[in-house]
Amino acid sequence: MNDALREHLIEGFEFAPVGLCITEFRKIVICNDEFSRMFGFESQELVGQSLAILYPTAQEFDSTGELALPILRETGRYSDDRLMRHQSGRLIWCHVAGRSFRVNSPYEHATWMFEDLSDRRKTVVHLTPREREIVKLLAKGLTSKQIAKLLEMSHRTVEAHRTRIGRKLDAKTTVEIVSKIAGLY
């Protein structure tokens, strides 16, 4: 690769309109300015940090990693929409997409794209970490029984959470819950 091409690649990474980072074992190796701006940090503050500092809770960091791992092992790619945490503590909606360099060891080395969806999705209702996890799985089309199995709880407990989420969002059906979370209403 010649020097001019290498310079264009570096500029493309740095000036991308979305947040980009490269990770090793879920720690940030490098990130662009948009990534650090999105989360309220300076780039040098993030290098060497675990992605966990950008999640609302450590549990959400762990559960997202557990959910993504089998998909990354199968396809080498993973994406979803999720709430992340700005340095100030406020929650922001992000579309996240990643690709592993090694399918047999997905978290060893990966590249990730984070798009801030906050302008399109407002975070106005307070949901607990467990409720956020359930909404995320509802949005993927899973049933209460499938969610219960995945989260190792009874389907009645999932239904109770879904009912509380519905009350908080003034939504009666799963479709309404997902639509309101997605900002369609």
N, C-alpha and C. Protein backbone atom coordinates (compact mmCIF):
# COMPACT_ATOMS: atom_id res chain seq x y z
N MET A 1 0.85 -1.17 0.00
CA MET A 1 0.00 0.00 0.00
C MET A 1 0.90 1.24 0.00
N ASN A 2 0.61 2.16 -0.91
CA ASN A 2 1.45 3.35 -0.97
C ASN A 2 1.06 4.35 0.12
N ASP A 3 1.93 5.33 0.35
CA ASP A 3 1.74 6.31 1.42
C ASP A 3 0.49 7.16 1.22
N ALA A 4 0.17 7.52 -0.01
CA ALA A 4 -1.03 8.34 -0.28
C ALA A 4 -2.30 7.58 0.09
N LEU A 5 -2.36 6.32 -0.27
CA LEU A 5 -3.53 5.50 0.05
C LEU A 5 -3.66 5.33 1.57
N ARG A 6 -2.55 5.07 2.23
CA ARG A 6 -2.54 4.93 3.69
C ARG A 6 -3.06 6.21 4.34
N GLU A 7 -2.65 7.36 3.83
CA GLU A 7 -3.10 8.65 4.38
C GLU A 7 -4.61 8.83 4.18
N HIS A 8 -5.13 8.43 3.02
CA HIS A 8 -6.57 8.52 2.76
C HIS A 8 -7.36 7.60 3.70
N LEU A 9 -6.83 6.43 3.98
CA LEU A 9 -7.49 5.51 4.91
C LEU A 9 -7.55 6.10 6.31
N ILE A 10 -6.46 6.69 6.74
CA ILE A 10 -6.42 7.32 8.07
C ILE A 10 -7.39 8.48 8.13
N GLU A 11 -7.42 9.32 7.10
CA GLU A 11 -8.36 10.44 7.07
C GLU A 11 -9.80 9.94 7.03
N GLY A 12 -10.06 8.88 6.28
CA GLY A 12 -11.41 8.31 6.21
C GLY A 12 -11.89 7.82 7.56
N PHE A 13 -11.00 7.19 8.30
CA PHE A 13 -11.32 6.72 9.66
C PHE A 13 -11.59 7.92 10.56
N GLU A 14 -10.71 8.88 10.51
CA GLU A 14 -10.81 10.03 11.42
C GLU A 14 -12.01 10.92 11.13
N PHE A 15 -12.36 11.10 9.87
CA PHE A 15 -13.44 12.02 9.51
C PHE A 15 -14.76 11.32 9.18
N ALA A 16 -14.88 10.05 9.53
CA ALA A 16 -16.12 9.31 9.28
C ALA A 16 -17.27 10.00 10.04
N PRO A 17 -18.47 9.99 9.47
CA PRO A 17 -19.62 10.65 10.11
C PRO A 17 -20.23 9.83 11.25
N VAL A 18 -19.66 8.68 11.55
CA VAL A 18 -20.11 7.83 12.65
C VAL A 18 -18.91 7.51 13.54
N GLY A 19 -19.20 7.08 14.75
CA GLY A 19 -18.13 6.69 15.65
C GLY A 19 -17.54 5.35 15.24
N LEU A 20 -16.23 5.28 15.17
CA LEU A 20 -15.53 4.05 14.81
C LEU A 20 -14.51 3.72 15.89
N CYS A 21 -14.38 2.43 16.18
CA CYS A 21 -13.31 2.01 17.08
C CYS A 21 -12.86 0.61 16.72
N ILE A 22 -11.65 0.31 17.08
CA ILE A 22 -11.09 -1.03 16.94
C ILE A 22 -10.81 -1.51 18.36
N THR A 23 -11.21 -2.75 18.63
CA THR A 23 -11.06 -3.29 19.98
C THR A 23 -10.26 -4.58 19.98
N GLU A 24 -9.66 -4.84 21.12
CA GLU A 24 -9.03 -6.13 21.42
C GLU A 24 -9.60 -6.58 22.74
N PHE A 25 -10.26 -7.74 22.72
CA PHE A 25 -10.89 -8.29 23.92
C PHE A 25 -11.79 -7.27 24.61
N ARG A 26 -12.55 -6.53 23.79
CA ARG A 26 -13.55 -5.55 24.22
C ARG A 26 -12.93 -4.33 24.91
N LYS A 27 -11.66 -4.07 24.63
CA LYS A 27 -10.98 -2.85 25.08
C LYS A 27 -10.66 -2.01 23.85
N ILE A 28 -10.78 -0.71 23.99
CA ILE A 28 -10.59 0.21 22.87
C ILE A 28 -9.10 0.36 22.56
N VAL A 29 -8.72 0.06 21.33
CA VAL A 29 -7.33 0.21 20.88
C VAL A 29 -7.17 1.57 20.21
N ILE A 30 -8.15 1.94 19.40
CA ILE A 30 -8.14 3.22 18.71
C ILE A 30 -9.58 3.60 18.43
N CYS A 31 -9.85 4.91 18.42
CA CYS A 31 -11.19 5.38 18.07
C CYS A 31 -11.06 6.72 17.35
N ASN A 32 -12.09 7.04 16.58
CA ASN A 32 -12.05 8.33 15.88
C ASN A 32 -12.68 9.43 16.73
N ASP A 33 -12.57 10.66 16.26
CA ASP A 33 -13.09 11.82 17.00
C ASP A 33 -14.60 11.74 17.20
N GLU A 34 -15.34 11.25 16.22
CA GLU A 34 -16.79 11.16 16.34
C GLU A 34 -17.18 10.20 17.46
N PHE A 35 -16.46 9.12 17.60
CA PHE A 35 -16.72 8.15 18.67
C PHE A 35 -16.52 8.81 20.03
N SER A 36 -15.39 9.48 20.22
CA SER A 36 -15.12 10.11 21.51
C SER A 36 -16.09 11.26 21.77
N ARG A 37 -16.42 12.04 20.75
CA ARG A 37 -17.38 13.14 20.91
C ARG A 37 -18.75 12.63 21.33
N MET A 38 -19.19 11.54 20.68
CA MET A 38 -20.50 10.96 20.95
C MET A 38 -20.65 10.60 22.43
N PHE A 39 -19.58 10.14 23.03
CA PHE A 39 -19.63 9.70 24.43
C PHE A 39 -19.06 10.72 25.41
N GLY A 40 -18.62 11.88 24.92
CA GLY A 40 -18.17 12.96 25.80
C GLY A 40 -16.77 12.81 26.35
N PHE A 41 -15.93 12.11 25.66
CA PHE A 41 -14.55 11.91 26.10
C PHE A 41 -13.58 12.49 25.08
N GLU A 42 -12.34 12.61 25.45
CA GLU A 42 -11.25 12.84 24.52
C GLU A 42 -10.78 11.46 24.07
N SER A 43 -10.33 11.36 22.83
CA SER A 43 -9.91 10.05 22.30
C SER A 43 -8.89 9.36 23.18
N GLN A 44 -7.89 10.12 23.67
CA GLN A 44 -6.82 9.51 24.48
C GLN A 44 -7.35 8.98 25.81
N GLU A 45 -8.49 9.51 26.29
CA GLU A 45 -9.09 9.00 27.53
C GLU A 45 -9.69 7.62 27.33
N LEU A 46 -10.09 7.31 26.11
CA LEU A 46 -10.77 6.05 25.82
C LEU A 46 -9.81 4.91 25.46
N VAL A 47 -8.68 5.24 24.89
CA VAL A 47 -7.72 4.20 24.47
C VAL A 47 -7.28 3.40 25.70
N GLY A 48 -7.42 2.08 25.59
CA GLY A 48 -7.06 1.18 26.68
C GLY A 48 -8.21 0.88 27.63
N GLN A 49 -9.31 1.60 27.49
CA GLN A 49 -10.46 1.39 28.36
C GLN A 49 -11.34 0.26 27.84
N SER A 50 -12.00 -0.42 28.75
CA SER A 50 -13.00 -1.41 28.38
C SER A 50 -14.23 -0.68 27.83
N LEU A 51 -14.90 -1.28 26.87
CA LEU A 51 -16.15 -0.72 26.37
C LEU A 51 -17.20 -0.62 27.47
N ALA A 52 -16.98 -1.31 28.57
CA ALA A 52 -17.94 -1.31 29.69
C ALA A 52 -18.23 0.10 30.19
N ILE A 53 -17.29 1.02 30.08
CA ILE A 53 -17.52 2.38 30.59
C ILE A 53 -18.58 3.12 29.78
N LEU A 54 -18.95 2.58 28.62
CA LEU A 54 -19.94 3.22 27.76
C LEU A 54 -21.32 2.60 27.90
N TYR A 55 -21.47 1.61 28.75
CA TYR A 55 -22.75 0.94 28.96
C TYR A 55 -23.43 1.49 30.20
N PRO A 56 -24.76 1.48 30.22
CA PRO A 56 -25.47 1.97 31.41
C PRO A 56 -25.09 1.21 32.68
N THR A 57 -24.88 -0.11 32.58
CA THR A 57 -24.48 -0.91 33.74
C THR A 57 -23.50 -1.99 33.29
N ALA A 58 -22.77 -2.51 34.26
CA ALA A 58 -21.85 -3.63 33.98
C ALA A 58 -22.63 -4.85 33.53
N GLN A 59 -23.82 -5.05 34.09
CA GLN A 59 -24.66 -6.18 33.70
C GLN A 59 -25.03 -6.09 32.21
N GLU A 60 -25.34 -4.88 31.73
CA GLU A 60 -25.70 -4.72 30.32
C GLU A 60 -24.50 -4.96 29.41
N PHE A 61 -23.33 -4.57 29.86
CA PHE A 61 -22.10 -4.87 29.11
C PHE A 61 -21.93 -6.38 28.99
N ASP A 62 -22.07 -7.08 30.12
CA ASP A 62 -21.90 -8.53 30.13
C ASP A 62 -22.96 -9.23 29.29
N SER A 63 -24.23 -8.85 29.47
CA SER A 63 -25.30 -9.55 28.75
C SER A 63 -25.24 -9.29 27.25
N THR A 64 -24.86 -8.07 26.85
CA THR A 64 -24.71 -7.79 25.42
C THR A 64 -23.58 -8.64 24.83
N GLY A 65 -22.50 -8.76 25.57
CA GLY A 65 -21.39 -9.60 25.12
C GLY A 65 -21.79 -11.05 24.98
N GLU A 66 -22.59 -11.55 25.94
CA GLU A 66 -23.05 -12.94 25.89
C GLU A 66 -24.01 -13.16 24.73
N LEU A 67 -24.89 -12.18 24.48
CA LEU A 67 -25.84 -12.30 23.36
C LEU A 67 -25.12 -12.27 22.02
N ALA A 68 -24.14 -11.41 21.88
CA ALA A 68 -23.45 -11.23 20.60
C ALA A 68 -22.49 -12.36 20.28
N LEU A 69 -21.91 -12.97 21.28
CA LEU A 69 -20.85 -13.95 21.06
C LEU A 69 -21.23 -15.09 20.11
N PRO A 70 -22.36 -15.80 20.31
CA PRO A 70 -22.66 -16.89 19.38
C PRO A 70 -22.91 -16.40 17.95
N ILE A 71 -23.46 -15.21 17.81
CA ILE A 71 -23.71 -14.66 16.47
C ILE A 71 -22.39 -14.30 15.81
N LEU A 72 -21.49 -13.68 16.56
CA LEU A 72 -20.17 -13.36 16.04
C LEU A 72 -19.40 -14.62 15.65
N ARG A 73 -19.54 -15.67 16.45
CA ARG A 73 -18.85 -16.93 16.13
C ARG A 73 -19.40 -17.57 14.85
N GLU A 74 -20.69 -17.37 14.63
CA GLU A 74 -21.31 -17.97 13.44
C GLU A 74 -21.08 -17.15 12.19
N THR A 75 -21.22 -15.82 12.30
CA THR A 75 -21.18 -14.96 11.11
C THR A 75 -20.02 -13.99 11.05
N GLY A 76 -19.41 -13.73 12.20
CA GLY A 76 -18.33 -12.74 12.25
C GLY A 76 -18.84 -11.31 12.34
N ARG A 77 -20.19 -11.15 12.37
CA ARG A 77 -20.79 -9.82 12.40
C ARG A 77 -21.90 -9.77 13.46
N TYR A 78 -22.12 -8.55 13.99
CA TYR A 78 -23.22 -8.37 14.95
C TYR A 78 -23.67 -6.92 14.88
N SER A 79 -24.98 -6.71 15.01
CA SER A 79 -25.49 -5.33 15.10
C SER A 79 -26.77 -5.31 15.90
N ASP A 80 -27.02 -4.17 16.53
CA ASP A 80 -28.27 -3.94 17.24
C ASP A 80 -28.40 -2.45 17.56
N ASP A 81 -29.55 -2.08 18.08
CA ASP A 81 -29.75 -0.74 18.62
C ASP A 81 -29.80 -0.89 20.13
N ARG A 82 -29.10 -0.01 20.83
CA ARG A 82 -29.03 -0.13 22.28
C ARG A 82 -28.83 1.22 22.94
N LEU A 83 -29.13 1.26 24.21
CA LEU A 83 -28.83 2.45 25.00
C LEU A 83 -27.38 2.36 25.47
N MET A 84 -26.68 3.46 25.34
CA MET A 84 -25.31 3.55 25.82
C MET A 84 -25.25 4.75 26.77
N ARG A 85 -24.12 4.89 27.46
CA ARG A 85 -24.01 5.95 28.46
C ARG A 85 -22.95 6.97 28.06
N HIS A 86 -23.38 8.23 28.02
CA HIS A 86 -22.48 9.36 27.81
C HIS A 86 -21.68 9.57 29.10
N GLN A 87 -20.55 10.21 29.01
CA GLN A 87 -19.72 10.48 30.19
C GLN A 87 -20.51 11.23 31.28
N SER A 88 -21.45 12.06 30.87
CA SER A 88 -22.27 12.84 31.81
C SER A 88 -23.26 11.96 32.57
N GLY A 89 -23.46 10.73 32.11
CA GLY A 89 -24.42 9.84 32.74
C GLY A 89 -25.72 9.70 31.98
N ARG A 90 -25.98 10.62 31.05
CA ARG A 90 -27.24 10.51 30.30
C ARG A 90 -27.15 9.35 29.32
N LEU A 91 -28.30 8.74 29.05
CA LEU A 91 -28.35 7.61 28.15
C LEU A 91 -28.61 8.09 26.73
N ILE A 92 -27.95 7.45 25.78
CA ILE A 92 -28.13 7.79 24.36
C ILE A 92 -28.39 6.51 23.58
N TRP A 93 -29.28 6.61 22.60
CA TRP A 93 -29.55 5.49 21.71
C TRP A 93 -28.46 5.42 20.66
N CYS A 94 -27.96 4.22 20.42
CA CYS A 94 -26.94 4.01 19.38
C CYS A 94 -27.29 2.79 18.54
N HIS A 95 -27.02 2.90 17.26
CA HIS A 95 -26.99 1.71 16.41
C HIS A 95 -25.54 1.26 16.41
N VAL A 96 -25.32 0.00 16.72
CA VAL A 96 -23.96 -0.53 16.82
C VAL A 96 -23.83 -1.69 15.84
N ALA A 97 -22.76 -1.68 15.06
CA ALA A 97 -22.48 -2.78 14.14
C ALA A 97 -20.99 -3.09 14.22
N GLY A 98 -20.69 -4.38 14.27
CA GLY A 98 -19.29 -4.76 14.38
C GLY A 98 -18.95 -5.96 13.54
N ARG A 99 -17.66 -6.11 13.33
CA ARG A 99 -17.15 -7.25 12.57
C ARG A 99 -15.87 -7.73 13.24
N SER A 100 -15.84 -9.02 13.48
CA SER A 100 -14.68 -9.64 14.10
C SER A 100 -13.63 -9.97 13.05
N PHE A 101 -12.38 -9.82 13.43
CA PHE A 101 -11.29 -10.20 12.52
C PHE A 101 -11.12 -11.72 12.49
N ARG A 102 -11.50 -12.39 13.61
CA ARG A 102 -11.32 -13.84 13.73
C ARG A 102 -12.61 -14.45 14.28
N VAL A 103 -13.32 -15.20 13.45
CA VAL A 103 -14.60 -15.79 13.85
C VAL A 103 -14.43 -16.76 15.02
N ASN A 104 -13.34 -17.49 15.07
CA ASN A 104 -13.14 -18.45 16.15
C ASN A 104 -12.80 -17.79 17.49
N SER A 105 -12.43 -16.53 17.48
CA SER A 105 -12.15 -15.76 18.70
C SER A 105 -12.65 -14.33 18.48
N PRO A 106 -13.98 -14.15 18.45
CA PRO A 106 -14.57 -12.89 17.99
C PRO A 106 -14.14 -11.63 18.73
N TYR A 107 -13.91 -11.73 20.02
CA TYR A 107 -13.57 -10.52 20.76
C TYR A 107 -12.07 -10.23 20.77
N GLU A 108 -11.28 -11.14 20.22
CA GLU A 108 -9.83 -10.92 20.20
C GLU A 108 -9.49 -9.63 19.45
N HIS A 109 -10.15 -9.42 18.32
CA HIS A 109 -9.85 -8.25 17.51
C HIS A 109 -11.09 -7.94 16.67
N ALA A 110 -11.67 -6.75 16.83
CA ALA A 110 -12.89 -6.41 16.10
C ALA A 110 -12.93 -4.92 15.79
N THR A 111 -13.73 -4.58 14.79
CA THR A 111 -13.96 -3.18 14.47
C THR A 111 -15.44 -2.90 14.66
N TRP A 112 -15.76 -1.72 15.20
CA TRP A 112 -17.13 -1.37 15.57
C TRP A 112 -17.50 0.01 15.07
N MET A 113 -18.77 0.14 14.68
CA MET A 113 -19.34 1.41 14.25
C MET A 113 -20.48 1.74 15.22
N PHE A 114 -20.50 2.97 15.71
CA PHE A 114 -21.55 3.46 16.60
C PHE A 114 -22.18 4.69 15.95
N GLU A 115 -23.49 4.61 15.72
CA GLU A 115 -24.22 5.75 15.18
C GLU A 115 -25.16 6.27 16.26
N ASP A 116 -25.06 7.55 16.56
CA ASP A 116 -25.92 8.19 17.57
C ASP A 116 -27.32 8.36 17.00
N LEU A 117 -28.30 7.72 17.62
CA LEU A 117 -29.70 7.81 17.19
C LEU A 117 -30.52 8.72 18.09
N SER A 118 -29.88 9.44 18.97
CA SER A 118 -30.59 10.23 19.98
C SER A 118 -31.58 11.23 19.39
N ASP A 119 -31.26 11.81 18.23
CA ASP A 119 -32.19 12.77 17.62
C ASP A 119 -33.46 12.09 17.14
N ARG A 120 -33.37 10.82 16.80
CA ARG A 120 -34.53 10.08 16.30
C ARG A 120 -35.25 9.30 17.39
N ARG A 121 -34.53 8.93 18.43
CA ARG A 121 -35.09 8.15 19.52
C ARG A 121 -34.85 8.87 20.83
N LYS A 122 -35.88 9.36 21.41
CA LYS A 122 -35.76 10.08 22.67
C LYS A 122 -35.82 9.09 23.83
N THR A 123 -35.00 9.31 24.83
CA THR A 123 -34.99 8.49 26.02
C THR A 123 -35.74 9.27 27.10
N VAL A 124 -37.06 9.12 27.11
CA VAL A 124 -37.87 9.91 28.04
C VAL A 124 -38.44 9.08 29.18
N VAL A 125 -38.49 7.77 29.03
CA VAL A 125 -39.04 6.90 30.06
C VAL A 125 -37.89 6.16 30.72
N HIS A 126 -37.93 6.11 32.06
CA HIS A 126 -36.88 5.39 32.77
C HIS A 126 -37.23 3.91 32.81
N LEU A 127 -36.39 3.10 32.19
CA LEU A 127 -36.52 1.65 32.25
C LEU A 127 -35.35 1.09 33.03
N THR A 128 -35.61 0.06 33.82
CA THR A 128 -34.54 -0.60 34.56
C THR A 128 -33.64 -1.35 33.58
N PRO A 129 -32.44 -1.72 34.01
CA PRO A 129 -31.57 -2.50 33.11
C PRO A 129 -32.25 -3.78 32.60
N ARG A 130 -32.98 -4.48 33.46
CA ARG A 130 -33.65 -5.70 33.03
C ARG A 130 -34.75 -5.38 32.01
N GLU A 131 -35.50 -4.28 32.24
CA GLU A 131 -36.54 -3.88 31.29
C GLU A 131 -35.92 -3.51 29.94
N ARG A 132 -34.79 -2.82 29.95
CA ARG A 132 -34.11 -2.47 28.70
C ARG A 132 -33.68 -3.73 27.96
N GLU A 133 -33.19 -4.71 28.72
CA GLU A 133 -32.76 -5.97 28.12
C GLU A 133 -33.95 -6.69 27.47
N ILE A 134 -35.08 -6.69 28.15
CA ILE A 134 -36.28 -7.35 27.62
C ILE A 134 -36.80 -6.61 26.39
N VAL A 135 -36.82 -5.28 26.44
CA VAL A 135 -37.27 -4.50 25.27
C VAL A 135 -36.37 -4.79 24.07
N LYS A 136 -35.09 -4.88 24.29
CA LYS A 136 -34.14 -5.16 23.21
C LYS A 136 -34.47 -6.50 22.55
N LEU A 137 -34.80 -7.50 23.38
CA LEU A 137 -35.12 -8.83 22.85
C LEU A 137 -36.50 -8.85 22.20
N LEU A 138 -37.46 -8.09 22.75
CA LEU A 138 -38.77 -7.96 22.11
C LEU A 138 -38.61 -7.36 20.72
N ALA A 139 -37.74 -6.35 20.62
CA ALA A 139 -37.51 -5.68 19.33
C ALA A 139 -36.89 -6.63 18.31
N LYS A 140 -36.20 -7.65 18.77
CA LYS A 140 -35.62 -8.64 17.86
C LYS A 140 -36.66 -9.69 17.45
N GLY A 141 -37.88 -9.57 18.02
CA GLY A 141 -38.96 -10.48 17.63
C GLY A 141 -39.09 -11.72 18.50
N LEU A 142 -38.36 -11.78 19.61
CA LEU A 142 -38.45 -12.95 20.48
C LEU A 142 -39.74 -12.93 21.28
N THR A 143 -40.28 -14.11 21.57
CA THR A 143 -41.46 -14.24 22.41
C THR A 143 -41.05 -14.21 23.87
N SER A 144 -42.04 -14.06 24.75
CA SER A 144 -41.74 -14.08 26.18
C SER A 144 -41.09 -15.39 26.60
N LYS A 145 -41.54 -16.50 26.04
CA LYS A 145 -40.94 -17.80 26.38
C LYS A 145 -39.49 -17.88 25.91
N GLN A 146 -39.21 -17.36 24.72
CA GLN A 146 -37.83 -17.37 24.21
C GLN A 146 -36.94 -16.47 25.07
N ILE A 147 -37.47 -15.31 25.45
CA ILE A 147 -36.71 -14.38 26.30
C ILE A 147 -36.45 -15.03 27.65
N ALA A 148 -37.47 -15.67 28.21
CA ALA A 148 -37.33 -16.33 29.51
C ALA A 148 -36.21 -17.39 29.46
N LYS A 149 -36.19 -18.17 28.42
CA LYS A 149 -35.16 -19.20 28.29
C LYS A 149 -33.77 -18.57 28.17
N LEU A 150 -33.67 -17.54 27.34
CA LEU A 150 -32.39 -16.87 27.13
C LEU A 150 -31.88 -16.20 28.41
N LEU A 151 -32.79 -15.58 29.17
CA LEU A 151 -32.40 -14.86 30.39
C LEU A 151 -32.49 -15.72 31.65
N GLU A 152 -32.84 -17.00 31.45
CA GLU A 152 -32.93 -17.96 32.55
C GLU A 152 -33.87 -17.48 33.65
N MET A 153 -35.10 -17.19 33.24
CA MET A 153 -36.16 -16.80 34.18
C MET A 153 -37.47 -17.38 33.66
N SER A 154 -38.51 -17.30 34.46
CA SER A 154 -39.79 -17.84 34.02
C SER A 154 -40.44 -16.90 33.01
N HIS A 155 -41.27 -17.46 32.14
CA HIS A 155 -41.95 -16.61 31.15
C HIS A 155 -42.95 -15.69 31.86
N ARG A 156 -43.44 -16.07 33.04
CA ARG A 156 -44.35 -15.20 33.81
C ARG A 156 -43.60 -13.95 34.29
N THR A 157 -42.35 -14.12 34.67
CA THR A 157 -41.54 -12.97 35.08
C THR A 157 -41.32 -12.03 33.90
N VAL A 158 -41.04 -12.60 32.74
CA VAL A 158 -40.88 -11.78 31.53
C VAL A 158 -42.18 -11.04 31.24
N GLU A 159 -43.31 -11.72 31.36
CA GLU A 159 -44.61 -11.08 31.12
C GLU A 159 -44.86 -9.95 32.12
N ALA A 160 -44.47 -10.15 33.37
CA ALA A 160 -44.63 -9.09 34.39
C ALA A 160 -43.80 -7.87 34.01
N HIS A 161 -42.56 -8.10 33.57
CA HIS A 161 -41.72 -6.99 33.11
C HIS A 161 -42.36 -6.30 31.90
N ARG A 162 -42.84 -7.10 30.95
CA ARG A 162 -43.46 -6.55 29.75
C ARG A 162 -44.68 -5.69 30.11
N THR A 163 -45.44 -6.13 31.08
CA THR A 163 -46.61 -5.37 31.53
C THR A 163 -46.19 -4.04 32.14
N ARG A 164 -45.14 -4.05 32.99
CA ARG A 164 -44.64 -2.80 33.60
C ARG A 164 -44.10 -1.85 32.52
N ILE A 165 -43.39 -2.40 31.56
CA ILE A 165 -42.86 -1.59 30.45
C ILE A 165 -44.03 -0.95 29.70
N GLY A 166 -45.05 -1.74 29.42
CA GLY A 166 -46.24 -1.24 28.73
C GLY A 166 -46.90 -0.10 29.48
N ARG A 167 -47.00 -0.24 30.81
CA ARG A 167 -47.58 0.85 31.62
C ARG A 167 -46.73 2.11 31.53
N LYS A 168 -45.42 1.96 31.63
CA LYS A 168 -44.52 3.11 31.58
C LYS A 168 -44.62 3.84 30.24
N LEU A 169 -44.83 3.08 29.18
CA LEU A 169 -44.87 3.66 27.84
C LEU A 169 -46.29 3.93 27.35
N ASP A 170 -47.28 3.60 28.17
CA ASP A 170 -48.68 3.70 27.77
C ASP A 170 -48.89 2.92 26.47
N ALA A 171 -48.45 1.67 26.50
CA ALA A 171 -48.56 0.77 25.34
C ALA A 171 -49.19 -0.54 25.79
N LYS A 172 -50.12 -1.03 25.02
CA LYS A 172 -50.85 -2.24 25.40
C LYS A 172 -50.28 -3.51 24.77
N THR A 173 -49.64 -3.40 23.62
CA THR A 173 -49.13 -4.58 22.93
C THR A 173 -47.61 -4.49 22.77
N THR A 174 -47.04 -5.63 22.46
CA THR A 174 -45.59 -5.67 22.20
C THR A 174 -45.23 -4.78 21.02
N VAL A 175 -46.06 -4.78 20.00
CA VAL A 175 -45.80 -3.93 18.82
C VAL A 175 -45.78 -2.46 19.24
N GLU A 176 -46.73 -2.05 20.09
CA GLU A 176 -46.74 -0.66 20.56
C GLU A 176 -45.50 -0.34 21.38
N ILE A 177 -45.09 -1.28 22.24
CA ILE A 177 -43.89 -1.07 23.06
C ILE A 177 -42.68 -0.84 22.15
N VAL A 178 -42.48 -1.74 21.21
CA VAL A 178 -41.32 -1.65 20.31
C VAL A 178 -41.42 -0.38 19.47
N SER A 179 -42.60 -0.05 19.00
CA SER A 179 -42.78 1.15 18.18
C SER A 179 -42.46 2.42 18.98
N LYS A 180 -42.94 2.47 20.22
CA LYS A 180 -42.66 3.65 21.03
C LYS A 180 -41.19 3.77 21.38
N ILE A 181 -40.55 2.65 21.68
CA ILE A 181 -39.12 2.68 21.95
C ILE A 181 -38.36 3.10 20.70
N ALA A 182 -38.81 2.66 19.55
CA ALA A 182 -38.15 3.01 18.29
C ALA A 182 -38.46 4.43 17.84
N GLY A 183 -39.38 5.10 18.53
CA GLY A 183 -39.69 6.48 18.18
C GLY A 183 -40.67 6.59 17.02
N LEU A 184 -41.46 5.54 16.78
CA LEU A 184 -42.38 5.59 15.67
C LEU A 184 -43.69 6.27 16.03
N TYR A 185 -43.98 6.41 17.31
CA TYR A 185 -45.21 7.08 17.74
C TYR A 185 -44.89 8.49 18.19
